PDBML (XML) file of the C-alpha atoms, coordinates in Angstrom:
<?xml version="1.0" encoding="UTF-8" ?>
<PDBx:datablock datablockName="MODEL"
   xmlns:PDBx="http://pdbml.pdb.org/schema/pdbx-v50.xsd"
   xmlns:xsi="http://www.w3.org/2001/XMLSchema-instance"
   xsi:schemaLocation="http://pdbml.pdb.org/schema/pdbx-v50.xsd pdbx-v50.xsd">
   <PDBx:atom_siteCategory>
      <PDBx:atom_site id="1">
         <PDBx:B_iso_or_equiv>0.00</PDBx:B_iso_or_equiv>
         <PDBx:Cartn_x>-43.311</PDBx:Cartn_x>
         <PDBx:Cartn_y>-103.279</PDBx:Cartn_y>
         <PDBx:Cartn_z>-66.507</PDBx:Cartn_z>
         <PDBx:auth_asym_id>A</PDBx:auth_asym_id>
         <PDBx:auth_atom_id>CA</PDBx:auth_atom_id>
         <PDBx:auth_comp_id>GLY</PDBx:auth_comp_id>
         <PDBx:auth_seq_id>1</PDBx:auth_seq_id>
         <PDBx:group_PDB>ATOM</PDBx:group_PDB>
         <PDBx:label_alt_id xsi:nil="true" />
         <PDBx:label_asym_id>A</PDBx:label_asym_id>
         <PDBx:label_atom_id>CA</PDBx:label_atom_id>
         <PDBx:label_comp_id>GLY</PDBx:label_comp_id>
         <PDBx:label_entity_id>1</PDBx:label_entity_id>
         <PDBx:label_seq_id>1</PDBx:label_seq_id>
         <PDBx:occupancy>1.00</PDBx:occupancy>
         <PDBx:pdbx_PDB_model_num>1</PDBx:pdbx_PDB_model_num>
         <PDBx:type_symbol>C</PDBx:type_symbol>
      </PDBx:atom_site>
      <PDBx:atom_site id="2">
         <PDBx:B_iso_or_equiv>0.00</PDBx:B_iso_or_equiv>
         <PDBx:Cartn_x>-39.849</PDBx:Cartn_x>
         <PDBx:Cartn_y>-102.269</PDBx:Cartn_y>
         <PDBx:Cartn_z>-67.558</PDBx:Cartn_z>
         <PDBx:auth_asym_id>A</PDBx:auth_asym_id>
         <PDBx:auth_atom_id>CA</PDBx:auth_atom_id>
         <PDBx:auth_comp_id>VAL</PDBx:auth_comp_id>
         <PDBx:auth_seq_id>2</PDBx:auth_seq_id>
         <PDBx:group_PDB>ATOM</PDBx:group_PDB>
         <PDBx:label_alt_id xsi:nil="true" />
         <PDBx:label_asym_id>A</PDBx:label_asym_id>
         <PDBx:label_atom_id>CA</PDBx:label_atom_id>
         <PDBx:label_comp_id>VAL</PDBx:label_comp_id>
         <PDBx:label_entity_id>1</PDBx:label_entity_id>
         <PDBx:label_seq_id>2</PDBx:label_seq_id>
         <PDBx:occupancy>1.00</PDBx:occupancy>
         <PDBx:pdbx_PDB_model_num>1</PDBx:pdbx_PDB_model_num>
         <PDBx:type_symbol>C</PDBx:type_symbol>
      </PDBx:atom_site>
      <PDBx:atom_site id="3">
         <PDBx:B_iso_or_equiv>0.00</PDBx:B_iso_or_equiv>
         <PDBx:Cartn_x>-38.949</PDBx:Cartn_x>
         <PDBx:Cartn_y>-98.779</PDBx:Cartn_y>
         <PDBx:Cartn_z>-66.802</PDBx:Cartn_z>
         <PDBx:auth_asym_id>A</PDBx:auth_asym_id>
         <PDBx:auth_atom_id>CA</PDBx:auth_atom_id>
         <PDBx:auth_comp_id>VAL</PDBx:auth_comp_id>
         <PDBx:auth_seq_id>3</PDBx:auth_seq_id>
         <PDBx:group_PDB>ATOM</PDBx:group_PDB>
         <PDBx:label_alt_id xsi:nil="true" />
         <PDBx:label_asym_id>A</PDBx:label_asym_id>
         <PDBx:label_atom_id>CA</PDBx:label_atom_id>
         <PDBx:label_comp_id>VAL</PDBx:label_comp_id>
         <PDBx:label_entity_id>1</PDBx:label_entity_id>
         <PDBx:label_seq_id>3</PDBx:label_seq_id>
         <PDBx:occupancy>1.00</PDBx:occupancy>
         <PDBx:pdbx_PDB_model_num>1</PDBx:pdbx_PDB_model_num>
         <PDBx:type_symbol>C</PDBx:type_symbol>
      </PDBx:atom_site>
      <PDBx:atom_site id="4">
         <PDBx:B_iso_or_equiv>0.00</PDBx:B_iso_or_equiv>
         <PDBx:Cartn_x>-36.944</PDBx:Cartn_x>
         <PDBx:Cartn_y>-96.816</PDBx:Cartn_y>
         <PDBx:Cartn_z>-69.444</PDBx:Cartn_z>
         <PDBx:auth_asym_id>A</PDBx:auth_asym_id>
         <PDBx:auth_atom_id>CA</PDBx:auth_atom_id>
         <PDBx:auth_comp_id>THR</PDBx:auth_comp_id>
         <PDBx:auth_seq_id>4</PDBx:auth_seq_id>
         <PDBx:group_PDB>ATOM</PDBx:group_PDB>
         <PDBx:label_alt_id xsi:nil="true" />
         <PDBx:label_asym_id>A</PDBx:label_asym_id>
         <PDBx:label_atom_id>CA</PDBx:label_atom_id>
         <PDBx:label_comp_id>THR</PDBx:label_comp_id>
         <PDBx:label_entity_id>1</PDBx:label_entity_id>
         <PDBx:label_seq_id>4</PDBx:label_seq_id>
         <PDBx:occupancy>1.00</PDBx:occupancy>
         <PDBx:pdbx_PDB_model_num>1</PDBx:pdbx_PDB_model_num>
         <PDBx:type_symbol>C</PDBx:type_symbol>
      </PDBx:atom_site>
      <PDBx:atom_site id="5">
         <PDBx:B_iso_or_equiv>0.00</PDBx:B_iso_or_equiv>
         <PDBx:Cartn_x>-36.938</PDBx:Cartn_x>
         <PDBx:Cartn_y>-93.473</PDBx:Cartn_y>
         <PDBx:Cartn_z>-67.794</PDBx:Cartn_z>
         <PDBx:auth_asym_id>A</PDBx:auth_asym_id>
         <PDBx:auth_atom_id>CA</PDBx:auth_atom_id>
         <PDBx:auth_comp_id>GLU</PDBx:auth_comp_id>
         <PDBx:auth_seq_id>5</PDBx:auth_seq_id>
         <PDBx:group_PDB>ATOM</PDBx:group_PDB>
         <PDBx:label_alt_id xsi:nil="true" />
         <PDBx:label_asym_id>A</PDBx:label_asym_id>
         <PDBx:label_atom_id>CA</PDBx:label_atom_id>
         <PDBx:label_comp_id>GLU</PDBx:label_comp_id>
         <PDBx:label_entity_id>1</PDBx:label_entity_id>
         <PDBx:label_seq_id>5</PDBx:label_seq_id>
         <PDBx:occupancy>1.00</PDBx:occupancy>
         <PDBx:pdbx_PDB_model_num>1</PDBx:pdbx_PDB_model_num>
         <PDBx:type_symbol>C</PDBx:type_symbol>
      </PDBx:atom_site>
      <PDBx:atom_site id="6">
         <PDBx:B_iso_or_equiv>0.00</PDBx:B_iso_or_equiv>
         <PDBx:Cartn_x>-36.658</PDBx:Cartn_x>
         <PDBx:Cartn_y>-92.780</PDBx:Cartn_y>
         <PDBx:Cartn_z>-64.153</PDBx:Cartn_z>
         <PDBx:auth_asym_id>A</PDBx:auth_asym_id>
         <PDBx:auth_atom_id>CA</PDBx:auth_atom_id>
         <PDBx:auth_comp_id>MET</PDBx:auth_comp_id>
         <PDBx:auth_seq_id>6</PDBx:auth_seq_id>
         <PDBx:group_PDB>ATOM</PDBx:group_PDB>
         <PDBx:label_alt_id xsi:nil="true" />
         <PDBx:label_asym_id>A</PDBx:label_asym_id>
         <PDBx:label_atom_id>CA</PDBx:label_atom_id>
         <PDBx:label_comp_id>MET</PDBx:label_comp_id>
         <PDBx:label_entity_id>1</PDBx:label_entity_id>
         <PDBx:label_seq_id>6</PDBx:label_seq_id>
         <PDBx:occupancy>1.00</PDBx:occupancy>
         <PDBx:pdbx_PDB_model_num>1</PDBx:pdbx_PDB_model_num>
         <PDBx:type_symbol>C</PDBx:type_symbol>
      </PDBx:atom_site>
      <PDBx:atom_site id="7">
         <PDBx:B_iso_or_equiv>0.00</PDBx:B_iso_or_equiv>
         <PDBx:Cartn_x>-38.121</PDBx:Cartn_x>
         <PDBx:Cartn_y>-89.739</PDBx:Cartn_y>
         <PDBx:Cartn_z>-62.388</PDBx:Cartn_z>
         <PDBx:auth_asym_id>A</PDBx:auth_asym_id>
         <PDBx:auth_atom_id>CA</PDBx:auth_atom_id>
         <PDBx:auth_comp_id>THR</PDBx:auth_comp_id>
         <PDBx:auth_seq_id>7</PDBx:auth_seq_id>
         <PDBx:group_PDB>ATOM</PDBx:group_PDB>
         <PDBx:label_alt_id xsi:nil="true" />
         <PDBx:label_asym_id>A</PDBx:label_asym_id>
         <PDBx:label_atom_id>CA</PDBx:label_atom_id>
         <PDBx:label_comp_id>THR</PDBx:label_comp_id>
         <PDBx:label_entity_id>1</PDBx:label_entity_id>
         <PDBx:label_seq_id>7</PDBx:label_seq_id>
         <PDBx:occupancy>1.00</PDBx:occupancy>
         <PDBx:pdbx_PDB_model_num>1</PDBx:pdbx_PDB_model_num>
         <PDBx:type_symbol>C</PDBx:type_symbol>
      </PDBx:atom_site>
      <PDBx:atom_site id="8">
         <PDBx:B_iso_or_equiv>0.00</PDBx:B_iso_or_equiv>
         <PDBx:Cartn_x>-38.023</PDBx:Cartn_x>
         <PDBx:Cartn_y>-89.128</PDBx:Cartn_y>
         <PDBx:Cartn_z>-58.662</PDBx:Cartn_z>
         <PDBx:auth_asym_id>A</PDBx:auth_asym_id>
         <PDBx:auth_atom_id>CA</PDBx:auth_atom_id>
         <PDBx:auth_comp_id>PRO</PDBx:auth_comp_id>
         <PDBx:auth_seq_id>8</PDBx:auth_seq_id>
         <PDBx:group_PDB>ATOM</PDBx:group_PDB>
         <PDBx:label_alt_id xsi:nil="true" />
         <PDBx:label_asym_id>A</PDBx:label_asym_id>
         <PDBx:label_atom_id>CA</PDBx:label_atom_id>
         <PDBx:label_comp_id>PRO</PDBx:label_comp_id>
         <PDBx:label_entity_id>1</PDBx:label_entity_id>
         <PDBx:label_seq_id>8</PDBx:label_seq_id>
         <PDBx:occupancy>1.00</PDBx:occupancy>
         <PDBx:pdbx_PDB_model_num>1</PDBx:pdbx_PDB_model_num>
         <PDBx:type_symbol>C</PDBx:type_symbol>
      </PDBx:atom_site>
      <PDBx:atom_site id="9">
         <PDBx:B_iso_or_equiv>0.00</PDBx:B_iso_or_equiv>
         <PDBx:Cartn_x>-41.102</PDBx:Cartn_x>
         <PDBx:Cartn_y>-90.297</PDBx:Cartn_y>
         <PDBx:Cartn_z>-56.633</PDBx:Cartn_z>
         <PDBx:auth_asym_id>A</PDBx:auth_asym_id>
         <PDBx:auth_atom_id>CA</PDBx:auth_atom_id>
         <PDBx:auth_comp_id>ASN</PDBx:auth_comp_id>
         <PDBx:auth_seq_id>9</PDBx:auth_seq_id>
         <PDBx:group_PDB>ATOM</PDBx:group_PDB>
         <PDBx:label_alt_id xsi:nil="true" />
         <PDBx:label_asym_id>A</PDBx:label_asym_id>
         <PDBx:label_atom_id>CA</PDBx:label_atom_id>
         <PDBx:label_comp_id>ASN</PDBx:label_comp_id>
         <PDBx:label_entity_id>1</PDBx:label_entity_id>
         <PDBx:label_seq_id>9</PDBx:label_seq_id>
         <PDBx:occupancy>1.00</PDBx:occupancy>
         <PDBx:pdbx_PDB_model_num>1</PDBx:pdbx_PDB_model_num>
         <PDBx:type_symbol>C</PDBx:type_symbol>
      </PDBx:atom_site>
      <PDBx:atom_site id="10">
         <PDBx:B_iso_or_equiv>0.00</PDBx:B_iso_or_equiv>
         <PDBx:Cartn_x>-42.060</PDBx:Cartn_x>
         <PDBx:Cartn_y>-93.086</PDBx:Cartn_y>
         <PDBx:Cartn_z>-59.022</PDBx:Cartn_z>
         <PDBx:auth_asym_id>A</PDBx:auth_asym_id>
         <PDBx:auth_atom_id>CA</PDBx:auth_atom_id>
         <PDBx:auth_comp_id>GLU</PDBx:auth_comp_id>
         <PDBx:auth_seq_id>10</PDBx:auth_seq_id>
         <PDBx:group_PDB>ATOM</PDBx:group_PDB>
         <PDBx:label_alt_id xsi:nil="true" />
         <PDBx:label_asym_id>A</PDBx:label_asym_id>
         <PDBx:label_atom_id>CA</PDBx:label_atom_id>
         <PDBx:label_comp_id>GLU</PDBx:label_comp_id>
         <PDBx:label_entity_id>1</PDBx:label_entity_id>
         <PDBx:label_seq_id>10</PDBx:label_seq_id>
         <PDBx:occupancy>1.00</PDBx:occupancy>
         <PDBx:pdbx_PDB_model_num>1</PDBx:pdbx_PDB_model_num>
         <PDBx:type_symbol>C</PDBx:type_symbol>
      </PDBx:atom_site>
      <PDBx:atom_site id="11">
         <PDBx:B_iso_or_equiv>0.00</PDBx:B_iso_or_equiv>
         <PDBx:Cartn_x>-42.504</PDBx:Cartn_x>
         <PDBx:Cartn_y>-96.529</PDBx:Cartn_y>
         <PDBx:Cartn_z>-57.687</PDBx:Cartn_z>
         <PDBx:auth_asym_id>A</PDBx:auth_asym_id>
         <PDBx:auth_atom_id>CA</PDBx:auth_atom_id>
         <PDBx:auth_comp_id>ASP</PDBx:auth_comp_id>
         <PDBx:auth_seq_id>11</PDBx:auth_seq_id>
         <PDBx:group_PDB>ATOM</PDBx:group_PDB>
         <PDBx:label_alt_id xsi:nil="true" />
         <PDBx:label_asym_id>A</PDBx:label_asym_id>
         <PDBx:label_atom_id>CA</PDBx:label_atom_id>
         <PDBx:label_comp_id>ASP</PDBx:label_comp_id>
         <PDBx:label_entity_id>1</PDBx:label_entity_id>
         <PDBx:label_seq_id>11</PDBx:label_seq_id>
         <PDBx:occupancy>1.00</PDBx:occupancy>
         <PDBx:pdbx_PDB_model_num>1</PDBx:pdbx_PDB_model_num>
         <PDBx:type_symbol>C</PDBx:type_symbol>
      </PDBx:atom_site>
      <PDBx:atom_site id="12">
         <PDBx:B_iso_or_equiv>0.00</PDBx:B_iso_or_equiv>
         <PDBx:Cartn_x>-39.391</PDBx:Cartn_x>
         <PDBx:Cartn_y>-98.102</PDBx:Cartn_y>
         <PDBx:Cartn_z>-59.217</PDBx:Cartn_z>
         <PDBx:auth_asym_id>A</PDBx:auth_asym_id>
         <PDBx:auth_atom_id>CA</PDBx:auth_atom_id>
         <PDBx:auth_comp_id>ILE</PDBx:auth_comp_id>
         <PDBx:auth_seq_id>12</PDBx:auth_seq_id>
         <PDBx:group_PDB>ATOM</PDBx:group_PDB>
         <PDBx:label_alt_id xsi:nil="true" />
         <PDBx:label_asym_id>A</PDBx:label_asym_id>
         <PDBx:label_atom_id>CA</PDBx:label_atom_id>
         <PDBx:label_comp_id>ILE</PDBx:label_comp_id>
         <PDBx:label_entity_id>1</PDBx:label_entity_id>
         <PDBx:label_seq_id>12</PDBx:label_seq_id>
         <PDBx:occupancy>1.00</PDBx:occupancy>
         <PDBx:pdbx_PDB_model_num>1</PDBx:pdbx_PDB_model_num>
         <PDBx:type_symbol>C</PDBx:type_symbol>
      </PDBx:atom_site>
      <PDBx:atom_site id="13">
         <PDBx:B_iso_or_equiv>0.00</PDBx:B_iso_or_equiv>
         <PDBx:Cartn_x>-37.872</PDBx:Cartn_x>
         <PDBx:Cartn_y>-101.321</PDBx:Cartn_y>
         <PDBx:Cartn_z>-58.185</PDBx:Cartn_z>
         <PDBx:auth_asym_id>A</PDBx:auth_asym_id>
         <PDBx:auth_atom_id>CA</PDBx:auth_atom_id>
         <PDBx:auth_comp_id>ALA</PDBx:auth_comp_id>
         <PDBx:auth_seq_id>13</PDBx:auth_seq_id>
         <PDBx:group_PDB>ATOM</PDBx:group_PDB>
         <PDBx:label_alt_id xsi:nil="true" />
         <PDBx:label_asym_id>A</PDBx:label_asym_id>
         <PDBx:label_atom_id>CA</PDBx:label_atom_id>
         <PDBx:label_comp_id>ALA</PDBx:label_comp_id>
         <PDBx:label_entity_id>1</PDBx:label_entity_id>
         <PDBx:label_seq_id>13</PDBx:label_seq_id>
         <PDBx:occupancy>1.00</PDBx:occupancy>
         <PDBx:pdbx_PDB_model_num>1</PDBx:pdbx_PDB_model_num>
         <PDBx:type_symbol>C</PDBx:type_symbol>
      </PDBx:atom_site>
      <PDBx:atom_site id="14">
         <PDBx:B_iso_or_equiv>0.00</PDBx:B_iso_or_equiv>
         <PDBx:Cartn_x>-34.632</PDBx:Cartn_x>
         <PDBx:Cartn_y>-103.030</PDBx:Cartn_y>
         <PDBx:Cartn_z>-59.271</PDBx:Cartn_z>
         <PDBx:auth_asym_id>A</PDBx:auth_asym_id>
         <PDBx:auth_atom_id>CA</PDBx:auth_atom_id>
         <PDBx:auth_comp_id>ILE</PDBx:auth_comp_id>
         <PDBx:auth_seq_id>14</PDBx:auth_seq_id>
         <PDBx:group_PDB>ATOM</PDBx:group_PDB>
         <PDBx:label_alt_id xsi:nil="true" />
         <PDBx:label_asym_id>A</PDBx:label_asym_id>
         <PDBx:label_atom_id>CA</PDBx:label_atom_id>
         <PDBx:label_comp_id>ILE</PDBx:label_comp_id>
         <PDBx:label_entity_id>1</PDBx:label_entity_id>
         <PDBx:label_seq_id>14</PDBx:label_seq_id>
         <PDBx:occupancy>1.00</PDBx:occupancy>
         <PDBx:pdbx_PDB_model_num>1</PDBx:pdbx_PDB_model_num>
         <PDBx:type_symbol>C</PDBx:type_symbol>
      </PDBx:atom_site>
      <PDBx:atom_site id="15">
         <PDBx:B_iso_or_equiv>0.00</PDBx:B_iso_or_equiv>
         <PDBx:Cartn_x>-35.156</PDBx:Cartn_x>
         <PDBx:Cartn_y>-106.855</PDBx:Cartn_y>
         <PDBx:Cartn_z>-59.560</PDBx:Cartn_z>
         <PDBx:auth_asym_id>A</PDBx:auth_asym_id>
         <PDBx:auth_atom_id>CA</PDBx:auth_atom_id>
         <PDBx:auth_comp_id>CYS</PDBx:auth_comp_id>
         <PDBx:auth_seq_id>15</PDBx:auth_seq_id>
         <PDBx:group_PDB>ATOM</PDBx:group_PDB>
         <PDBx:label_alt_id xsi:nil="true" />
         <PDBx:label_asym_id>A</PDBx:label_asym_id>
         <PDBx:label_atom_id>CA</PDBx:label_atom_id>
         <PDBx:label_comp_id>CYS</PDBx:label_comp_id>
         <PDBx:label_entity_id>1</PDBx:label_entity_id>
         <PDBx:label_seq_id>15</PDBx:label_seq_id>
         <PDBx:occupancy>1.00</PDBx:occupancy>
         <PDBx:pdbx_PDB_model_num>1</PDBx:pdbx_PDB_model_num>
         <PDBx:type_symbol>C</PDBx:type_symbol>
      </PDBx:atom_site>
      <PDBx:atom_site id="16">
         <PDBx:B_iso_or_equiv>0.00</PDBx:B_iso_or_equiv>
         <PDBx:Cartn_x>-32.666</PDBx:Cartn_x>
         <PDBx:Cartn_y>-109.648</PDBx:Cartn_y>
         <PDBx:Cartn_z>-60.017</PDBx:Cartn_z>
         <PDBx:auth_asym_id>A</PDBx:auth_asym_id>
         <PDBx:auth_atom_id>CA</PDBx:auth_atom_id>
         <PDBx:auth_comp_id>VAL</PDBx:auth_comp_id>
         <PDBx:auth_seq_id>16</PDBx:auth_seq_id>
         <PDBx:group_PDB>ATOM</PDBx:group_PDB>
         <PDBx:label_alt_id xsi:nil="true" />
         <PDBx:label_asym_id>A</PDBx:label_asym_id>
         <PDBx:label_atom_id>CA</PDBx:label_atom_id>
         <PDBx:label_comp_id>VAL</PDBx:label_comp_id>
         <PDBx:label_entity_id>1</PDBx:label_entity_id>
         <PDBx:label_seq_id>16</PDBx:label_seq_id>
         <PDBx:occupancy>1.00</PDBx:occupancy>
         <PDBx:pdbx_PDB_model_num>1</PDBx:pdbx_PDB_model_num>
         <PDBx:type_symbol>C</PDBx:type_symbol>
      </PDBx:atom_site>
      <PDBx:atom_site id="17">
         <PDBx:B_iso_or_equiv>0.00</PDBx:B_iso_or_equiv>
         <PDBx:Cartn_x>-32.838</PDBx:Cartn_x>
         <PDBx:Cartn_y>-113.306</PDBx:Cartn_y>
         <PDBx:Cartn_z>-60.555</PDBx:Cartn_z>
         <PDBx:auth_asym_id>A</PDBx:auth_asym_id>
         <PDBx:auth_atom_id>CA</PDBx:auth_atom_id>
         <PDBx:auth_comp_id>ALA</PDBx:auth_comp_id>
         <PDBx:auth_seq_id>17</PDBx:auth_seq_id>
         <PDBx:group_PDB>ATOM</PDBx:group_PDB>
         <PDBx:label_alt_id xsi:nil="true" />
         <PDBx:label_asym_id>A</PDBx:label_asym_id>
         <PDBx:label_atom_id>CA</PDBx:label_atom_id>
         <PDBx:label_comp_id>ALA</PDBx:label_comp_id>
         <PDBx:label_entity_id>1</PDBx:label_entity_id>
         <PDBx:label_seq_id>17</PDBx:label_seq_id>
         <PDBx:occupancy>1.00</PDBx:occupancy>
         <PDBx:pdbx_PDB_model_num>1</PDBx:pdbx_PDB_model_num>
         <PDBx:type_symbol>C</PDBx:type_symbol>
      </PDBx:atom_site>
      <PDBx:atom_site id="18">
         <PDBx:B_iso_or_equiv>0.00</PDBx:B_iso_or_equiv>
         <PDBx:Cartn_x>-29.921</PDBx:Cartn_x>
         <PDBx:Cartn_y>-115.658</PDBx:Cartn_y>
         <PDBx:Cartn_z>-60.721</PDBx:Cartn_z>
         <PDBx:auth_asym_id>A</PDBx:auth_asym_id>
         <PDBx:auth_atom_id>CA</PDBx:auth_atom_id>
         <PDBx:auth_comp_id>ALA</PDBx:auth_comp_id>
         <PDBx:auth_seq_id>18</PDBx:auth_seq_id>
         <PDBx:group_PDB>ATOM</PDBx:group_PDB>
         <PDBx:label_alt_id xsi:nil="true" />
         <PDBx:label_asym_id>A</PDBx:label_asym_id>
         <PDBx:label_atom_id>CA</PDBx:label_atom_id>
         <PDBx:label_comp_id>ALA</PDBx:label_comp_id>
         <PDBx:label_entity_id>1</PDBx:label_entity_id>
         <PDBx:label_seq_id>18</PDBx:label_seq_id>
         <PDBx:occupancy>1.00</PDBx:occupancy>
         <PDBx:pdbx_PDB_model_num>1</PDBx:pdbx_PDB_model_num>
         <PDBx:type_symbol>C</PDBx:type_symbol>
      </PDBx:atom_site>
      <PDBx:atom_site id="19">
         <PDBx:B_iso_or_equiv>0.00</PDBx:B_iso_or_equiv>
         <PDBx:Cartn_x>-28.650</PDBx:Cartn_x>
         <PDBx:Cartn_y>-119.030</PDBx:Cartn_y>
         <PDBx:Cartn_z>-59.988</PDBx:Cartn_z>
         <PDBx:auth_asym_id>A</PDBx:auth_asym_id>
         <PDBx:auth_atom_id>CA</PDBx:auth_atom_id>
         <PDBx:auth_comp_id>TYR</PDBx:auth_comp_id>
         <PDBx:auth_seq_id>19</PDBx:auth_seq_id>
         <PDBx:group_PDB>ATOM</PDBx:group_PDB>
         <PDBx:label_alt_id xsi:nil="true" />
         <PDBx:label_asym_id>A</PDBx:label_asym_id>
         <PDBx:label_atom_id>CA</PDBx:label_atom_id>
         <PDBx:label_comp_id>TYR</PDBx:label_comp_id>
         <PDBx:label_entity_id>1</PDBx:label_entity_id>
         <PDBx:label_seq_id>19</PDBx:label_seq_id>
         <PDBx:occupancy>1.00</PDBx:occupancy>
         <PDBx:pdbx_PDB_model_num>1</PDBx:pdbx_PDB_model_num>
         <PDBx:type_symbol>C</PDBx:type_symbol>
      </PDBx:atom_site>
      <PDBx:atom_site id="20">
         <PDBx:B_iso_or_equiv>0.00</PDBx:B_iso_or_equiv>
         <PDBx:Cartn_x>-25.998</PDBx:Cartn_x>
         <PDBx:Cartn_y>-119.831</PDBx:Cartn_y>
         <PDBx:Cartn_z>-57.398</PDBx:Cartn_z>
         <PDBx:auth_asym_id>A</PDBx:auth_asym_id>
         <PDBx:auth_atom_id>CA</PDBx:auth_atom_id>
         <PDBx:auth_comp_id>VAL</PDBx:auth_comp_id>
         <PDBx:auth_seq_id>20</PDBx:auth_seq_id>
         <PDBx:group_PDB>ATOM</PDBx:group_PDB>
         <PDBx:label_alt_id xsi:nil="true" />
         <PDBx:label_asym_id>A</PDBx:label_asym_id>
         <PDBx:label_atom_id>CA</PDBx:label_atom_id>
         <PDBx:label_comp_id>VAL</PDBx:label_comp_id>
         <PDBx:label_entity_id>1</PDBx:label_entity_id>
         <PDBx:label_seq_id>20</PDBx:label_seq_id>
         <PDBx:occupancy>1.00</PDBx:occupancy>
         <PDBx:pdbx_PDB_model_num>1</PDBx:pdbx_PDB_model_num>
         <PDBx:type_symbol>C</PDBx:type_symbol>
      </PDBx:atom_site>
      <PDBx:atom_site id="21">
         <PDBx:B_iso_or_equiv>0.00</PDBx:B_iso_or_equiv>
         <PDBx:Cartn_x>-25.186</PDBx:Cartn_x>
         <PDBx:Cartn_y>-123.454</PDBx:Cartn_y>
         <PDBx:Cartn_z>-56.872</PDBx:Cartn_z>
         <PDBx:auth_asym_id>A</PDBx:auth_asym_id>
         <PDBx:auth_atom_id>CA</PDBx:auth_atom_id>
         <PDBx:auth_comp_id>GLU</PDBx:auth_comp_id>
         <PDBx:auth_seq_id>21</PDBx:auth_seq_id>
         <PDBx:group_PDB>ATOM</PDBx:group_PDB>
         <PDBx:label_alt_id xsi:nil="true" />
         <PDBx:label_asym_id>A</PDBx:label_asym_id>
         <PDBx:label_atom_id>CA</PDBx:label_atom_id>
         <PDBx:label_comp_id>GLU</PDBx:label_comp_id>
         <PDBx:label_entity_id>1</PDBx:label_entity_id>
         <PDBx:label_seq_id>21</PDBx:label_seq_id>
         <PDBx:occupancy>1.00</PDBx:occupancy>
         <PDBx:pdbx_PDB_model_num>1</PDBx:pdbx_PDB_model_num>
         <PDBx:type_symbol>C</PDBx:type_symbol>
      </PDBx:atom_site>
      <PDBx:atom_site id="22">
         <PDBx:B_iso_or_equiv>0.00</PDBx:B_iso_or_equiv>
         <PDBx:Cartn_x>-28.325</PDBx:Cartn_x>
         <PDBx:Cartn_y>-124.443</PDBx:Cartn_y>
         <PDBx:Cartn_z>-58.999</PDBx:Cartn_z>
         <PDBx:auth_asym_id>A</PDBx:auth_asym_id>
         <PDBx:auth_atom_id>CA</PDBx:auth_atom_id>
         <PDBx:auth_comp_id>ASP</PDBx:auth_comp_id>
         <PDBx:auth_seq_id>22</PDBx:auth_seq_id>
         <PDBx:group_PDB>ATOM</PDBx:group_PDB>
         <PDBx:label_alt_id xsi:nil="true" />
         <PDBx:label_asym_id>A</PDBx:label_asym_id>
         <PDBx:label_atom_id>CA</PDBx:label_atom_id>
         <PDBx:label_comp_id>ASP</PDBx:label_comp_id>
         <PDBx:label_entity_id>1</PDBx:label_entity_id>
         <PDBx:label_seq_id>22</PDBx:label_seq_id>
         <PDBx:occupancy>1.00</PDBx:occupancy>
         <PDBx:pdbx_PDB_model_num>1</PDBx:pdbx_PDB_model_num>
         <PDBx:type_symbol>C</PDBx:type_symbol>
      </PDBx:atom_site>
      <PDBx:atom_site id="23">
         <PDBx:B_iso_or_equiv>0.00</PDBx:B_iso_or_equiv>
         <PDBx:Cartn_x>-30.555</PDBx:Cartn_x>
         <PDBx:Cartn_y>-122.610</PDBx:Cartn_y>
         <PDBx:Cartn_z>-56.471</PDBx:Cartn_z>
         <PDBx:auth_asym_id>A</PDBx:auth_asym_id>
         <PDBx:auth_atom_id>CA</PDBx:auth_atom_id>
         <PDBx:auth_comp_id>VAL</PDBx:auth_comp_id>
         <PDBx:auth_seq_id>23</PDBx:auth_seq_id>
         <PDBx:group_PDB>ATOM</PDBx:group_PDB>
         <PDBx:label_alt_id xsi:nil="true" />
         <PDBx:label_asym_id>A</PDBx:label_asym_id>
         <PDBx:label_atom_id>CA</PDBx:label_atom_id>
         <PDBx:label_comp_id>VAL</PDBx:label_comp_id>
         <PDBx:label_entity_id>1</PDBx:label_entity_id>
         <PDBx:label_seq_id>23</PDBx:label_seq_id>
         <PDBx:occupancy>1.00</PDBx:occupancy>
         <PDBx:pdbx_PDB_model_num>1</PDBx:pdbx_PDB_model_num>
         <PDBx:type_symbol>C</PDBx:type_symbol>
      </PDBx:atom_site>
      <PDBx:atom_site id="24">
         <PDBx:B_iso_or_equiv>0.00</PDBx:B_iso_or_equiv>
         <PDBx:Cartn_x>-32.676</PDBx:Cartn_x>
         <PDBx:Cartn_y>-119.804</PDBx:Cartn_y>
         <PDBx:Cartn_z>-58.153</PDBx:Cartn_z>
         <PDBx:auth_asym_id>A</PDBx:auth_asym_id>
         <PDBx:auth_atom_id>CA</PDBx:auth_atom_id>
         <PDBx:auth_comp_id>ARG</PDBx:auth_comp_id>
         <PDBx:auth_seq_id>24</PDBx:auth_seq_id>
         <PDBx:group_PDB>ATOM</PDBx:group_PDB>
         <PDBx:label_alt_id xsi:nil="true" />
         <PDBx:label_asym_id>A</PDBx:label_asym_id>
         <PDBx:label_atom_id>CA</PDBx:label_atom_id>
         <PDBx:label_comp_id>ARG</PDBx:label_comp_id>
         <PDBx:label_entity_id>1</PDBx:label_entity_id>
         <PDBx:label_seq_id>24</PDBx:label_seq_id>
         <PDBx:occupancy>1.00</PDBx:occupancy>
         <PDBx:pdbx_PDB_model_num>1</PDBx:pdbx_PDB_model_num>
         <PDBx:type_symbol>C</PDBx:type_symbol>
      </PDBx:atom_site>
      <PDBx:atom_site id="25">
         <PDBx:B_iso_or_equiv>0.00</PDBx:B_iso_or_equiv>
         <PDBx:Cartn_x>-32.528</PDBx:Cartn_x>
         <PDBx:Cartn_y>-116.724</PDBx:Cartn_y>
         <PDBx:Cartn_z>-56.021</PDBx:Cartn_z>
         <PDBx:auth_asym_id>A</PDBx:auth_asym_id>
         <PDBx:auth_atom_id>CA</PDBx:auth_atom_id>
         <PDBx:auth_comp_id>LEU</PDBx:auth_comp_id>
         <PDBx:auth_seq_id>25</PDBx:auth_seq_id>
         <PDBx:group_PDB>ATOM</PDBx:group_PDB>
         <PDBx:label_alt_id xsi:nil="true" />
         <PDBx:label_asym_id>A</PDBx:label_asym_id>
         <PDBx:label_atom_id>CA</PDBx:label_atom_id>
         <PDBx:label_comp_id>LEU</PDBx:label_comp_id>
         <PDBx:label_entity_id>1</PDBx:label_entity_id>
         <PDBx:label_seq_id>25</PDBx:label_seq_id>
         <PDBx:occupancy>1.00</PDBx:occupancy>
         <PDBx:pdbx_PDB_model_num>1</PDBx:pdbx_PDB_model_num>
         <PDBx:type_symbol>C</PDBx:type_symbol>
      </PDBx:atom_site>
   </PDBx:atom_siteCategory>
</PDBx:datablock>
């Protein structure tokens, strides 16, 4: 779920998806 407020010790990740040379990474 999208996190709108960060507090230390939470299980937070930053995720990215993008295409480079038509390859989804």
